[in-house]
C-alpha atoms as a PDB file:
ATOM      1  CA  MET A   1      14.547   0.914  -0.790  1.00  0.00           C
ATOM      2  CA  LEU A   2      14.186  -2.726   0.449  1.00  0.00           C
ATOM      3  CA  TYR A   3      17.494  -4.730   1.393  1.00  0.00           C
ATOM      4  CA  PRO A   4      17.308  -8.398   1.802  1.00  0.00           C
ATOM      5  CA  ASN A   5      18.490  -8.744   5.188  1.00  0.00           C
ATOM      6  CA  THR A   6      17.110  -5.581   6.740  1.00  0.00           C
ATOM      7  CA  PRO A   7      13.617  -5.675   8.009  1.00  0.00           C
ATOM      8  CA  ALA A   8      10.914  -3.385   6.663  1.00  0.00           C
ATOM      9  CA  LEU A   9       7.364  -2.373   7.163  1.00  0.00           C
ATOM     10  CA  VAL A  10       5.870  -0.655   3.980  1.00  0.00           C
ATOM     11  CA  LEU A  11       2.623   1.429   3.862  1.00  0.00           C
ATOM     12  CA  ALA A  12       0.282  -0.387   1.236  1.00  0.00           C
ATOM     13  CA  PRO A  13      -0.948   1.429  -1.876  1.00  0.00           C
ATOM     14  CA  MET A  14      -4.788   1.784  -1.533  1.00  0.00           C
ATOM     15  CA  ASP A  15      -6.647   3.527  -4.505  1.00  0.00           C
ATOM     16  CA  GLY A  16      -8.280   6.622  -3.236  1.00  0.00           C
ATOM     17  CA  ILE A  17      -7.199   6.323   0.625  1.00  0.00           C
ATOM     18  CA  THR A  18      -3.400   6.306   0.688  1.00  0.00           C
ATOM     19  CA  ASP A  19      -2.770   9.477  -1.140  1.00  0.00           C
ATOM     20  CA  ALA A  20      -0.216  12.261  -0.220  1.00  0.00           C
ATOM     21  CA  PRO A  21      -1.862  13.616   3.038  1.00  0.00           C
ATOM     22  CA  MET A  22      -2.577  10.104   4.213  1.00  0.00           C
ATOM     23  CA  ARG A  23       1.181   8.965   3.280  1.00  0.00           C
ATOM     24  CA  ALA A  24       2.529  12.167   5.131  1.00  0.00           C
ATOM     25  CA  LEU A  25       0.357  11.402   8.292  1.00  0.00           C
ATOM     26  CA  GLN A  26       1.324   7.507   8.247  1.00  0.00           C
ATOM     27  CA  GLY A  27       5.089   8.972   7.966  1.00  0.00           C
ATOM     28  CA  ALA A  28       4.855  10.823  11.039  1.00  0.00           C
ATOM     29  CA  ALA A  29       4.643   7.949  13.249  1.00  0.00           C
ATOM     30  CA  GLY A  30       7.972   6.824  12.072  1.00  0.00           C
ATOM     31  CA  ALA A  31       7.135   3.068  12.011  1.00  0.00           C
ATOM     32  CA  PHE A  32       7.047   2.805   8.141  1.00  0.00           C
ATOM     33  CA  THR A  33      10.330   2.178   6.034  1.00  0.00           C
ATOM     34  CA  PHE A  34       8.577   3.446   2.831  1.00  0.00           C
ATOM     35  CA  ALA A  35       5.291   4.021   1.205  1.00  0.00           C
ATOM     36  CA  VAL A  36       3.980   3.093  -2.224  1.00  0.00           C
ATOM     37  CA  SER A  37       2.030   5.304  -3.939  1.00  0.00           C
ATOM     38  CA  GLU A  38      -1.533   4.682  -5.393  1.00  0.00           C
ATOM     39  CA  PHE A  39      -1.289   3.051  -8.706  1.00  0.00           C
ATOM     40  CA  LEU A  40      -1.000   5.383 -11.961  1.00  0.00           C
ATOM     41  CA  ARG A  41      -2.870   3.563 -14.879  1.00  0.00           C
ATOM     42  CA  VAL A  42      -1.034   3.236 -17.996  1.00  0.00           C
ATOM     43  CA  SER A  43      -3.621   2.582 -20.679  1.00  0.00           C
ATOM     44  CA  ASN A  44      -3.881   3.735 -24.399  1.00  0.00           C
ATOM     45  CA  ASP A  45      -0.881   6.231 -24.022  1.00  0.00           C
ATOM     46  CA  PRO A  46       2.142   6.361 -21.874  1.00  0.00           C
ATOM     47  CA  LEU A  47       1.875   8.700 -18.887  1.00  0.00           C
ATOM     48  CA  PRO A  48       3.818  11.927 -19.219  1.00  0.00           C
ATOM     49  CA  LYS A  49       5.856  13.534 -16.560  1.00  0.00           C
ATOM     50  CA  LYS A  50       3.475  16.007 -15.346  1.00  0.00           C
ATOM     51  CA  VAL A  51       1.018  13.446 -14.308  1.00  0.00           C
ATOM     52  CA  PHE A  52       3.529  11.936 -12.078  1.00  0.00           C
ATOM     53  CA  LEU A  53       4.130  15.400 -10.638  1.00  0.00           C
ATOM     54  CA  ARG A  54       0.452  15.926 -10.242  1.00  0.00           C
ATOM     55  CA  ASP A  55      -0.471  12.473  -8.460  1.00  0.00           C
ATOM     56  CA  VAL A  56       2.829  11.908  -6.501  1.00  0.00           C
ATOM     57  CA  PRO A  57       3.654  15.397  -5.073  1.00  0.00           C
ATOM     58  CA  GLU A  58       6.449  13.928  -3.051  1.00  0.00           C
ATOM     59  CA  LEU A  59       8.537  13.607  -6.322  1.00  0.00           C
ATOM     60  CA  LEU A  60       9.039  17.396  -6.061  1.00  0.00           C
ATOM     61  CA  THR A  61      10.561  16.734  -2.663  1.00  0.00           C
ATOM     62  CA  ASN A  62      13.080  14.041  -3.143  1.00  0.00           C
ATOM     63  CA  CYS A  63      10.444  11.234  -3.181  1.00  0.00           C
ATOM     64  CA  ARG A  64       9.664  11.960   0.571  1.00  0.00           C
ATOM     65  CA  THR A  65       6.519  13.264   2.183  1.00  0.00           C
ATOM     66  CA  VAL A  66       6.720  16.170   4.421  1.00  0.00           C
ATOM     67  CA  THR A  67       7.026  14.012   7.315  1.00  0.00           C
ATOM     68  CA  GLY A  68      10.274  12.204   5.781  1.00  0.00           C
ATOM     69  CA  LEU A  69       8.569   9.220   4.407  1.00  0.00           C
ATOM     70  CA  PRO A  70      10.083   7.594   1.314  1.00  0.00           C
ATOM     71  CA  VAL A  71       7.559   7.173  -1.477  1.00  0.00           C
ATOM     72  CA  GLN A  72       7.804   4.542  -4.151  1.00  0.00           C
ATOM     73  CA  VAL A  73       5.936   5.135  -7.432  1.00  0.00           C
ATOM     74  CA  GLN A  74       3.441   2.384  -8.683  1.00  0.00           C
ATOM     75  CA  ILE A  75       2.499   2.004 -12.315  1.00  0.00           C
ATOM     76  CA  LEU A  76      -0.198  -0.204 -13.700  1.00  0.00           C
ATOM     77  CA  GLY A  77      -0.781  -1.748 -17.312  1.00  0.00           C
ATOM     78  CA  GLY A  78      -0.255  -4.513 -19.348  1.00  0.00           C
ATOM     79  CA  ASP A  79       1.528  -3.159 -22.385  1.00  0.00           C
ATOM     80  CA  PRO A  80       5.323  -3.438 -22.108  1.00  0.00           C
ATOM     81  CA  GLY A  81       6.233  -0.636 -24.422  1.00  0.00           C
ATOM     82  CA  ARG A  82       3.844   2.044 -22.786  1.00  0.00           C
ATOM     83  CA  MET A  83       4.711   0.832 -19.304  1.00  0.00           C
ATOM     84  CA  ALA A  84       8.497   1.141 -20.267  1.00  0.00           C
ATOM     85  CA  ARG A  85       7.968   4.929 -21.445  1.00  0.00           C
ATOM     86  CA  SER A  86       5.918   5.602 -18.441  1.00  0.00           C
ATOM     87  CA  ALA A  87       8.726   4.449 -16.037  1.00  0.00           C
ATOM     88  CA  LEU A  88      10.946   6.675 -17.744  1.00  0.00           C
ATOM     89  CA  ALA A  89       8.656   9.359 -17.465  1.00  0.00           C
ATOM     90  CA  ALA A  90       8.383   8.709 -13.781  1.00  0.00           C
ATOM     91  CA  VAL A  91      12.353   8.543 -13.455  1.00  0.00           C
ATOM     92  CA  ALA A  92      12.534  11.915 -15.171  1.00  0.00           C
ATOM     93  CA  ALA A  93      10.000  13.530 -12.493  1.00  0.00           C
ATOM     94  CA  GLY A  94      12.186  12.126  -9.791  1.00  0.00           C
ATOM     95  CA  ALA A  95      11.052   8.562  -9.041  1.00  0.00           C
ATOM     96  CA  GLN A  96      13.789   6.555  -7.245  1.00  0.00           C
ATOM     97  CA  ALA A  97      11.871   3.228  -7.413  1.00  0.00           C
ATOM     98  CA  ILE A  98       9.316   1.687  -9.496  1.00  0.00           C
ATOM     99  CA  ASP A  99       6.681  -0.809  -8.536  1.00  0.00           C
ATOM    100  CA  ILE A 100       4.438  -2.486 -10.931  1.00  0.00           C
ATOM    101  CA  ASN A 101       0.790  -3.568 -10.062  1.00  0.00           C
ATOM    102  CA  PHE A 102      -0.084  -7.058 -11.108  1.00  0.00           C
ATOM    103  CA  GLY A 103      -2.500  -7.428  -8.012  1.00  0.00           C
ATOM    104  CA  CYS A 104      -5.450  -4.979  -8.356  1.00  0.00           C
ATOM    105  CA  PRO A 105      -8.566  -7.166  -8.185  1.00  0.00           C
ATOM    106  CA  ALA A 106     -10.869  -4.419  -9.656  1.00  0.00           C
ATOM    107  CA  PRO A 107     -13.112  -5.566 -12.379  1.00  0.00           C
ATOM    108  CA  THR A 108     -12.797  -2.171 -14.515  1.00  0.00           C
ATOM    109  CA  VAL A 109      -9.071  -2.361 -14.308  1.00  0.00           C
ATOM    110  CA  ASN A 110      -8.890  -5.898 -14.986  1.00  0.00           C
ATOM    111  CA  ARG A 111     -11.190  -5.660 -18.125  1.00  0.00           C
ATOM    112  CA  ASN A 112      -8.614  -3.128 -19.411  1.00  0.00           C
ATOM    113  CA  ASP A 113      -5.790  -5.240 -19.225  1.00  0.00           C
ATOM    114  CA  GLY A 114      -4.463  -4.180 -16.105  1.00  0.00           C
ATOM    115  CA  GLY A 115      -3.632  -5.357 -12.596  1.00  0.00           C
ATOM    116  CA  ALA A 116      -4.621  -9.077 -11.668  1.00  0.00           C
ATOM    117  CA  THR A 117      -5.608  -9.976 -15.189  1.00  0.00           C
ATOM    118  CA  LEU A 118      -1.854 -10.524 -16.017  1.00  0.00           C
ATOM    119  CA  LEU A 119      -1.594 -13.291 -13.547  1.00  0.00           C
ATOM    120  CA  GLN A 120      -3.533 -15.354 -15.986  1.00  0.00           C
ATOM    121  CA  HIS A 121      -0.544 -14.786 -18.354  1.00  0.00           C
ATOM    122  CA  PRO A 122       2.752 -15.319 -16.733  1.00  0.00           C
ATOM    123  CA  HIS A 123       5.016 -14.670 -19.679  1.00  0.00           C
ATOM    124  CA  ARG A 124       3.498 -11.151 -19.973  1.00  0.00           C
ATOM    125  CA  ILE A 125       4.488 -10.626 -16.246  1.00  0.00           C
ATOM    126  CA  ARG A 126       8.121 -11.255 -17.423  1.00  0.00           C
ATOM    127  CA  GLU A 127       7.790  -9.011 -20.655  1.00  0.00           C
ATOM    128  CA  VAL A 128       6.301  -5.867 -18.671  1.00  0.00           C
ATOM    129  CA  ILE A 129       8.853  -6.246 -15.966  1.00  0.00           C
ATOM    130  CA  ARG A 130      11.945  -6.673 -18.405  1.00  0.00           C
ATOM    131  CA  ALA A 131      10.724  -3.816 -20.458  1.00  0.00           C
ATOM    132  CA  VAL A 132      10.786  -1.506 -17.551  1.00  0.00           C
ATOM    133  CA  ARG A 133      14.011  -2.902 -16.203  1.00  0.00           C
ATOM    134  CA  ASP A 134      15.694  -2.243 -19.631  1.00  0.00           C
ATOM    135  CA  VAL A 135      14.739   1.196 -19.666  1.00  0.00           C
ATOM    136  CA  VAL A 136      15.428   2.554 -16.191  1.00  0.00           C
ATOM    137  CA  SER A 137      18.868   2.750 -14.472  1.00  0.00           C
ATOM    138  CA  PHE A 138      20.064  -0.342 -12.457  1.00  0.00           C
ATOM    139  CA  GLN A 139      20.213   2.105  -9.592  1.00  0.00           C
ATOM    140  CA  ILE A 140      16.426   2.435  -9.651  1.00  0.00           C
ATOM    141  CA  PRO A 141      14.665  -0.572  -8.259  1.00  0.00           C
ATOM    142  CA  VAL A 142      11.917  -2.122 -10.342  1.00  0.00           C
ATOM    143  CA  SER A 143       9.602  -4.380  -8.090  1.00  0.00           C
ATOM    144  CA  ALA A 144       6.313  -6.163  -8.722  1.00  0.00           C
ATOM    145  CA  LYS A 145       3.381  -6.509  -6.580  1.00  0.00           C
ATOM    146  CA  LEU A 146       1.218  -9.986  -7.054  1.00  0.00           C
ATOM    147  CA  ARG A 147      -1.656 -11.964  -5.664  1.00  0.00           C
ATOM    148  CA  LEU A 148      -1.275 -15.745  -5.234  1.00  0.00           C
ATOM    149  CA  GLY A 149      -3.121 -16.299  -8.569  1.00  0.00           C
ATOM    150  CA  TRP A 150      -6.259 -15.452 -10.588  1.00  0.00           C
ATOM    151  CA  GLU A 151      -8.165 -18.475  -9.061  1.00  0.00           C
ATOM    152  CA  CYS A 152      -5.571 -20.957  -7.814  1.00  0.00           C
ATOM    153  CA  ILE A 153      -3.182 -20.081  -5.208  1.00  0.00           C
ATOM    154  CA  SER A 154      -0.471 -22.299  -6.573  1.00  0.00           C
ATOM    155  CA  ASP A 155      -0.281 -20.070  -9.828  1.00  0.00           C
ATOM    156  CA  ILE A 156       2.002 -17.935  -7.571  1.00  0.00           C
ATOM    157  CA  HIS A 157       5.007 -20.081  -8.241  1.00  0.00           C
ATOM    158  CA  LEU A 158       5.121 -19.618 -11.816  1.00  0.00           C
ATOM    159  CA  ASN A 159       4.264 -15.913 -11.758  1.00  0.00           C
ATOM    160  CA  ALA A 160       6.808 -15.280  -9.251  1.00  0.00           C
ATOM    161  CA  GLU A 161       9.446 -17.030 -11.328  1.00  0.00           C
ATOM    162  CA  MET A 162       8.325 -14.918 -14.428  1.00  0.00           C
ATOM    163  CA  ALA A 163       8.602 -11.671 -12.220  1.00  0.00           C
ATOM    164  CA  ALA A 164      12.092 -12.947 -11.355  1.00  0.00           C
ATOM    165  CA  GLU A 165      13.170 -13.591 -14.706  1.00  0.00           C
ATOM    166  CA  GLY A 166      12.055 -10.238 -15.682  1.00  0.00           C
ATOM    167  CA  GLY A 167      14.315  -8.652 -13.305  1.00  0.00           C
ATOM    168  CA  ALA A 168      12.439  -7.718 -10.427  1.00  0.00           C
ATOM    169  CA  SER A 169      14.376  -6.563  -7.521  1.00  0.00           C
ATOM    170  CA  TRP A 170      11.834  -7.523  -4.798  1.00  0.00           C
ATOM    171  CA  LEU A 171       8.136  -8.846  -4.520  1.00  0.00           C
ATOM    172  CA  THR A 172       5.184  -8.011  -2.443  1.00  0.00           C
ATOM    173  CA  ILE A 173       2.400 -10.946  -2.336  1.00  0.00           C
ATOM    174  CA  HIS A 174      -0.846 -10.243  -1.341  1.00  0.00           C
ATOM    175  CA  ALA A 175      -2.087 -13.696  -0.065  1.00  0.00           C
ATOM    176  CA  ARG A 176      -5.270 -14.194  -1.780  1.00  0.00           C
ATOM    177  CA  THR A 177      -6.378 -14.877  -5.434  1.00  0.00           C
ATOM    178  CA  ARG A 178      -8.037 -12.472  -7.634  1.00  0.00           C
ATOM    179  CA  ALA A 179     -11.081 -14.454  -7.354  1.00  0.00           C
ATOM    180  CA  GLN A 180     -11.354 -13.888  -3.608  1.00  0.00           C
ATOM    181  CA  GLY A 181     -10.952 -10.201  -4.042  1.00  0.00           C
ATOM    182  CA  TYR A 182     -10.559  -9.150  -0.266  1.00  0.00           C
ATOM    183  CA  SER A 183     -12.870 -12.161   1.200  1.00  0.00           C
ATOM    184  CA  PRO A 184     -11.335 -14.571   3.755  1.00  0.00           C
ATOM    185  CA  PRO A 185      -9.173 -16.544   4.172  1.00  0.00           C
ATOM    186  CA  VAL A 186      -5.647 -15.401   3.390  1.00  0.00           C
ATOM    187  CA  PHE A 187      -2.869 -18.089   2.615  1.00  0.00           C
ATOM    188  CA  TRP A 188       0.437 -17.053   3.812  1.00  0.00           C
ATOM    189  CA  LYS A 189       2.495 -20.111   3.727  1.00  0.00           C
ATOM    190  CA  PRO A 190       3.013 -19.858  -0.410  1.00  0.00           C
ATOM    191  CA  ILE A 191       4.499 -16.462   0.086  1.00  0.00           C
ATOM    192  CA  GLY A 192       7.457 -18.283   2.348  1.00  0.00           C
ATOM    193  CA  GLU A 193       7.801 -21.019  -0.467  1.00  0.00           C
ATOM    194  CA  VAL A 194       8.248 -18.033  -3.092  1.00  0.00           C
ATOM    195  CA  ARG A 195      10.998 -16.344  -0.914  1.00  0.00           C
ATOM    196  CA  LEU A 196      12.821 -19.648  -0.815  1.00  0.00           C
ATOM    197  CA  SER A 197      12.401 -20.647  -4.366  1.00  0.00           C
ATOM    198  CA  THR A 198      13.164 -17.230  -5.943  1.00  0.00           C
ATOM    199  CA  GLY A 199      15.742 -15.996  -3.595  1.00  0.00           C
ATOM    200  CA  LEU A 200      14.225 -12.572  -3.857  1.00  0.00           C
ATOM    201  CA  PRO A 201      13.355 -10.200  -0.925  1.00  0.00           C
ATOM    202  CA  VAL A 202       9.314 -10.883  -0.353  1.00  0.00           C
ATOM    203  CA  MET A 203       6.918  -8.739   1.099  1.00  0.00           C
ATOM    204  CA  ALA A 204       4.124 -10.358   2.776  1.00  0.00           C
ATOM    205  CA  ASN A 205       0.594  -8.367   2.683  1.00  0.00           C
ATOM    206  CA  GLY A 206      -2.836  -9.549   3.558  1.00  0.00           C
ATOM    207  CA  ASP A 207      -5.227  -9.242   6.579  1.00  0.00           C
ATOM    208  CA  ILE A 208      -2.590  -8.375   9.224  1.00  0.00           C
ATOM    209  CA  TRP A 209      -5.100  -6.683  11.582  1.00  0.00           C
ATOM    210  CA  THR A 210      -3.291  -7.435  14.909  1.00  0.00           C
ATOM    211  CA  LEU A 211       0.237  -8.225  16.424  1.00  0.00           C
ATOM    212  CA  ASP A 212      -0.699 -11.823  16.532  1.00  0.00           C
ATOM    213  CA  ASP A 213      -1.770 -11.741  12.835  1.00  0.00           C
ATOM    214  CA  PHE A 214       1.743 -10.285  12.138  1.00  0.00           C
ATOM    215  CA  ARG A 215       3.441 -13.078  14.246  1.00  0.00           C
ATOM    216  CA  ARG A 216       1.632 -15.687  12.700  1.00  0.00           C
ATOM    217  CA  CYS A 217       2.272 -14.291   9.191  1.00  0.00           C
ATOM    218  CA  GLN A 218       5.991 -14.037  10.149  1.00  0.00           C
ATOM    219  CA  ASP A 219       6.095 -17.550  11.260  1.00  0.00           C
ATOM    220  CA  GLU A 220       4.374 -18.962   8.130  1.00  0.00           C
ATOM    221  CA  THR A 221       6.312 -16.998   5.441  1.00  0.00           C
ATOM    222  CA  GLY A 222       9.887 -16.443   7.195  1.00  0.00           C
ATOM    223  CA  CYS A 223       9.705 -12.806   5.734  1.00  0.00           C
ATOM    224  CA  LEU A 224      11.440  -9.888   7.189  1.00  0.00           C
ATOM    225  CA  HIS A 225       9.367  -7.491   5.051  1.00  0.00           C
ATOM    226  CA  PHE A 226       5.871  -6.653   5.403  1.00  0.00           C
ATOM    227  CA  MET A 227       3.120  -4.558   3.848  1.00  0.00           C
ATOM    228  CA  ILE A 228      -0.040  -3.270   5.853  1.00  0.00           C
ATOM    229  CA  GLY A 229      -2.688  -0.921   4.625  1.00  0.00           C
ATOM    230  CA  ARG A 230      -6.248  -1.211   6.134  1.00  0.00           C
ATOM    231  CA  GLY A 231      -4.840  -2.715   9.173  1.00  0.00           C
ATOM    232  CA  ALA A 232      -2.896   0.644  10.029  1.00  0.00           C
ATOM    233  CA  LEU A 233      -5.921   2.597   9.329  1.00  0.00           C
ATOM    234  CA  ALA A 234      -8.221   0.567  11.417  1.00  0.00           C
ATOM    235  CA  ASN A 235      -5.842   0.310  14.335  1.00  0.00           C
ATOM    236  CA  PRO A 236      -3.693   3.215  14.605  1.00  0.00           C
ATOM    237  CA  ARG A 237      -1.268   1.677  16.964  1.00  0.00           C
ATOM    238  CA  LEU A 238      -0.787  -1.401  14.714  1.00  0.00           C
ATOM    239  CA  SER A 239       2.222   0.088  12.736  1.00  0.00           C
ATOM    240  CA  ARG A 240       4.455   0.884  15.687  1.00  0.00           C
ATOM    241  CA  GLN A 241       3.462  -2.425  17.493  1.00  0.00           C
ATOM    242  CA  ILE A 242       5.003  -4.361  14.267  1.00  0.00           C
ATOM    243  CA  ALA A 243       7.919  -2.021  13.662  1.00  0.00           C
ATOM    244  CA  SER A 244       8.797  -2.663  17.536  1.00  0.00           C
ATOM    245  CA  GLU A 245       8.537  -6.284  16.891  1.00  0.00           C
ATOM    246  CA  LEU A 246      10.905  -5.810  13.799  1.00  0.00           C
ATOM    247  CA  GLY A 247      13.456  -3.855  15.617  1.00  0.00           C
ATOM    248  CA  ILE A 248      12.760  -0.693  13.423  1.00  0.00           C
ATOM    249  CA  VAL A 249      11.465   1.429  16.515  1.00  0.00           C
ATOM    250  CA  ARG A 250      12.814   1.136  19.948  1.00  0.00           C
ATOM    251  CA  GLU A 251       9.213   1.150  21.645  1.00  0.00           C
ATOM    252  CA  SER A 252       5.752   0.598  20.418  1.00  0.00           C
ATOM    253  CA  TRP A 253       3.769   3.301  22.200  1.00  0.00           C
ATOM    254  CA  GLN A 254       2.073   5.830  20.092  1.00  0.00           C
ATOM    255  CA  ASP A 255      -0.584   8.586  21.117  1.00  0.00           C
ATOM    256  CA  THR A 256      -3.491   7.380  19.006  1.00  0.00           C
ATOM    257  CA  ASP A 257      -6.463   9.311  20.284  1.00  0.00           C
ATOM    258  CA  TRP A 258      -8.716  10.047  17.481  1.00  0.00           C
ATOM    259  CA  ILE A 259      -9.346  13.674  17.695  1.00  0.00           C
ATOM    260  CA  PRO A 260      -5.505  14.593  17.698  1.00  0.00           C
ATOM    261  CA  LEU A 261      -4.687  12.185  14.994  1.00  0.00           C
ATOM    262  CA  LEU A 262      -7.624  13.155  12.667  1.00  0.00           C
ATOM    263  CA  SER A 263      -6.948  16.813  13.134  1.00  0.00           C
ATOM    264  CA  SER A 264      -3.436  16.261  12.022  1.00  0.00           C
ATOM    265  CA  PHE A 265      -4.711  14.376   8.756  1.00  0.00           C
ATOM    266  CA  VAL A 266      -6.896  17.280   7.985  1.00  0.00           C
ATOM    267  CA  GLN A 267      -3.929  19.686   8.217  1.00  0.00           C
ATOM    268  CA  PHE A 268      -2.081  17.648   5.808  1.00  0.00           C
ATOM    269  CA  ALA A 269      -5.060  17.708   3.615  1.00  0.00           C
ATOM    270  CA  ASP A 270      -7.008  20.938   3.333  1.00  0.00           C
ATOM    271  CA  PRO A 271      -9.585  21.311   5.913  1.00  0.00           C
ATOM    272  CA  HIS A 272     -11.760  23.546   3.678  1.00  0.00           C
ATOM    273  CA  THR A 273     -12.833  21.186   0.912  1.00  0.00           C
ATOM    274  CA  PRO A 274     -15.655  18.637   0.766  1.00  0.00           C
ATOM    275  CA  ARG A 275     -12.767  16.009   0.099  1.00  0.00           C
ATOM    276  CA  SER A 276     -11.503  16.312   3.519  1.00  0.00           C
ATOM    277  CA  LEU A 277     -14.957  15.359   5.062  1.00  0.00           C
ATOM    278  CA  MET A 278     -15.087  12.474   2.769  1.00  0.00           C
ATOM    279  CA  ARG A 279     -11.776  11.139   3.485  1.00  0.00           C
ATOM    280  CA  LEU A 280     -12.507  11.399   7.169  1.00  0.00           C
ATOM    281  CA  LYS A 281     -15.727   9.523   6.689  1.00  0.00           C
ATOM    282  CA  GLN A 282     -13.840   7.077   4.540  1.00  0.00           C
ATOM    283  CA  TRP A 283     -11.093   6.537   7.232  1.00  0.00           C
ATOM    284  CA  MET A 284     -13.904   6.304   9.986  1.00  0.00           C
ATOM    285  CA  ALA A 285     -15.668   3.684   8.042  1.00  0.00           C
ATOM    286  CA  ILE A 286     -12.863   1.297   7.818  1.00  0.00           C
ATOM    287  CA  ALA A 287     -11.873   1.928  11.487  1.00  0.00           C
ATOM    288  CA  SER A 288     -15.534   0.961  12.215  1.00  0.00           C
ATOM    289  CA  LYS A 289     -15.734  -2.202  10.167  1.00  0.00           C
ATOM    290  CA  PHE A 290     -12.383  -3.710  10.950  1.00  0.00           C
ATOM    291  CA  GLY A 291     -11.270  -1.952  14.216  1.00  0.00           C
ATOM    292  CA  GLY A 292     -14.405  -1.583  16.260  1.00  0.00           C
ATOM    293  CA  PHE A 293     -14.650   2.200  16.081  1.00  0.00           C
ATOM    294  CA  PRO A 294     -17.761   2.614  17.682  1.00  0.00           C
ATOM    295  CA  HIS A 295     -19.021   6.157  16.654  1.00  0.00           C
ATOM    296  CA  PHE A 296     -19.282   6.055  12.901  1.00  0.00           C
ATOM    297  CA  ASP A 297     -23.124   5.977  12.942  1.00  0.00           C
ATOM    298  CA  HIS A 298     -23.116   9.414  14.520  1.00  0.00           C
ATOM    299  CA  LEU A 299     -20.218  10.782  12.185  1.00  0.00           C
ATOM    300  CA  LYS A 300     -21.512   9.712   8.847  1.00  0.00           C
ATOM    301  CA  ARG A 301     -24.301  12.134   8.961  1.00  0.00           C
ATOM    302  CA  THR A 302     -22.389  15.149   9.310  1.00  0.00           C
ATOM    303  CA  THR A 303     -21.835  17.822   6.448  1.00  0.00           C
ATOM    304  CA  SER A 304     -18.781  19.573   7.305  1.00  0.00           C
ATOM    305  CA  VAL A 305     -15.293  19.196   8.845  1.00  0.00           C
ATOM    306  CA  ASP A 306     -16.204  21.106  11.879  1.00  0.00           C
ATOM    307  CA  GLU A 307     -19.442  19.454  12.593  1.00  0.00           C
ATOM    308  CA  PHE A 308     -17.495  16.091  12.122  1.00  0.00           C
ATOM    309  CA  PHE A 309     -15.100  17.095  14.979  1.00  0.00           C
ATOM    310  CA  GLU A 310     -17.827  18.360  17.187  1.00  0.00           C
ATOM    311  CA  ALA A 311     -19.688  15.055  16.704  1.00  0.00           C
ATOM    312  CA  LEU A 312     -16.625  13.096  17.496  1.00  0.00           C
ATOM    313  CA  ARG A 313     -15.924  15.208  20.617  1.00  0.00           C
ATOM    314  CA  ALA A 314     -19.647  14.761  21.916  1.00  0.00           C
ATOM    315  CA  CYS A 315     -19.343  11.119  21.180  1.00  0.00           C
ATOM    316  CA  GLU A 316     -15.934  10.614  23.037  1.00  0.00           C
ATOM    317  CA  GLU A 317     -17.412  12.679  25.960  1.00  0.00           C
ATOM    318  CA  SER A 318     -20.373  10.463  26.085  1.00  0.00           C
ATOM    319  CA  SER A 319     -18.200   7.483  26.305  1.00  0.00           C
ATOM    320  CA  LEU A 320     -16.217   8.913  28.962  1.00  0.00           C
ATOM    321  CA  LEU A 321     -19.225   9.640  31.082  1.00  0.00           C
ATOM    322  CA  ALA A 322     -20.575   6.018  30.493  1.00  0.00           C
ATOM    323  CA  ALA A 323     -17.552   4.622  31.556  1.00  0.00           C
END
C-alpha cells in the first residue's frame, strides 16, 4: 500500500473521529492514497474476527470505503502473542495491511500497556512487530506508528531501529513526544534522520495545517509520504492542495462549501441518529479551533441534525449579507 518511491498522502486515524463515514467522505475527494482505521485495542484477550468486521466495515468490501479509498487496519497493545493472534483474525476478516500503534498518548491507553508507553521499552517494539510479522503472510504489510519518544525526541532513533529489526514495512512518525501530547512545537528534522538511517519508507505526521506547513515538513524531512488528520478536517481544501503538490492529483481545486460537504457526511453516516449530530459538532469544533470556522457557537446549541443545518444556513446567509 505504500511504495518507497511513490508519493503518498494518508488519512490519519483519530479515535472517535475518522470512523467509516468520515473515511468514506474523505475518500470522495480523491486526494488520499489510503486511510488507517481507528485503533482496535488488544488487551486481555486477542480480538476475534467479528470485532474487526464490526469496527472496520470496509473489510466486507475488499478493504475499501464506498468511495473507493483503501483502508489499513490498526491494532494497539503490548503483548506480542495476543497482538499476533489479533492480526491473524484481522487478516481472516479481510485485512490487507496491518498497522501497529505505538504512538497513542492517551493516559488510559498508556496505563494499560498500549500505545506510546512502549516507547519506553524499545526491545518490546521489536518483539510486538516481529510477532505479528511472523504470523501473517509476507504479502501483508506490517507497519508501525511511532512518536519521537516518551520524553526525549532523540529516542526515536533506537525505537525506529527496533521497529526496523522487527520487520516493519514502513514507519509513520508523529513529530512530538508522548509528554507533549498535542502541544507545540513539532520536530520534523528527526523524521528525516530516521528515513536515512533505517532505509525504510517513512511517513511524516504532525501539525501540517497549511500548504506552507507541508512544504516546510517536506523540506526538513525529505519524505515522500505524509499523514494528515486534524488538518484535513479543519481545512477541507488542504488534502487536495497537498496531493497536487505531490503529483497525486492534477489540480488542487475542490468545492468545499460547508453545507454540501457536511450533508454528504451525514448521508454516509445516519442522519436520524444522535451520533450524527454529535459528529457534526465535533467536526465543526475542530474547524473552529484550528481552521477559523466562525459559526460554531451558533451550531453547538442545536439539538437535531435538521436544526444544525438550519442554523448553519442562517449563519452563512448572514455572513453573505454582511459582506
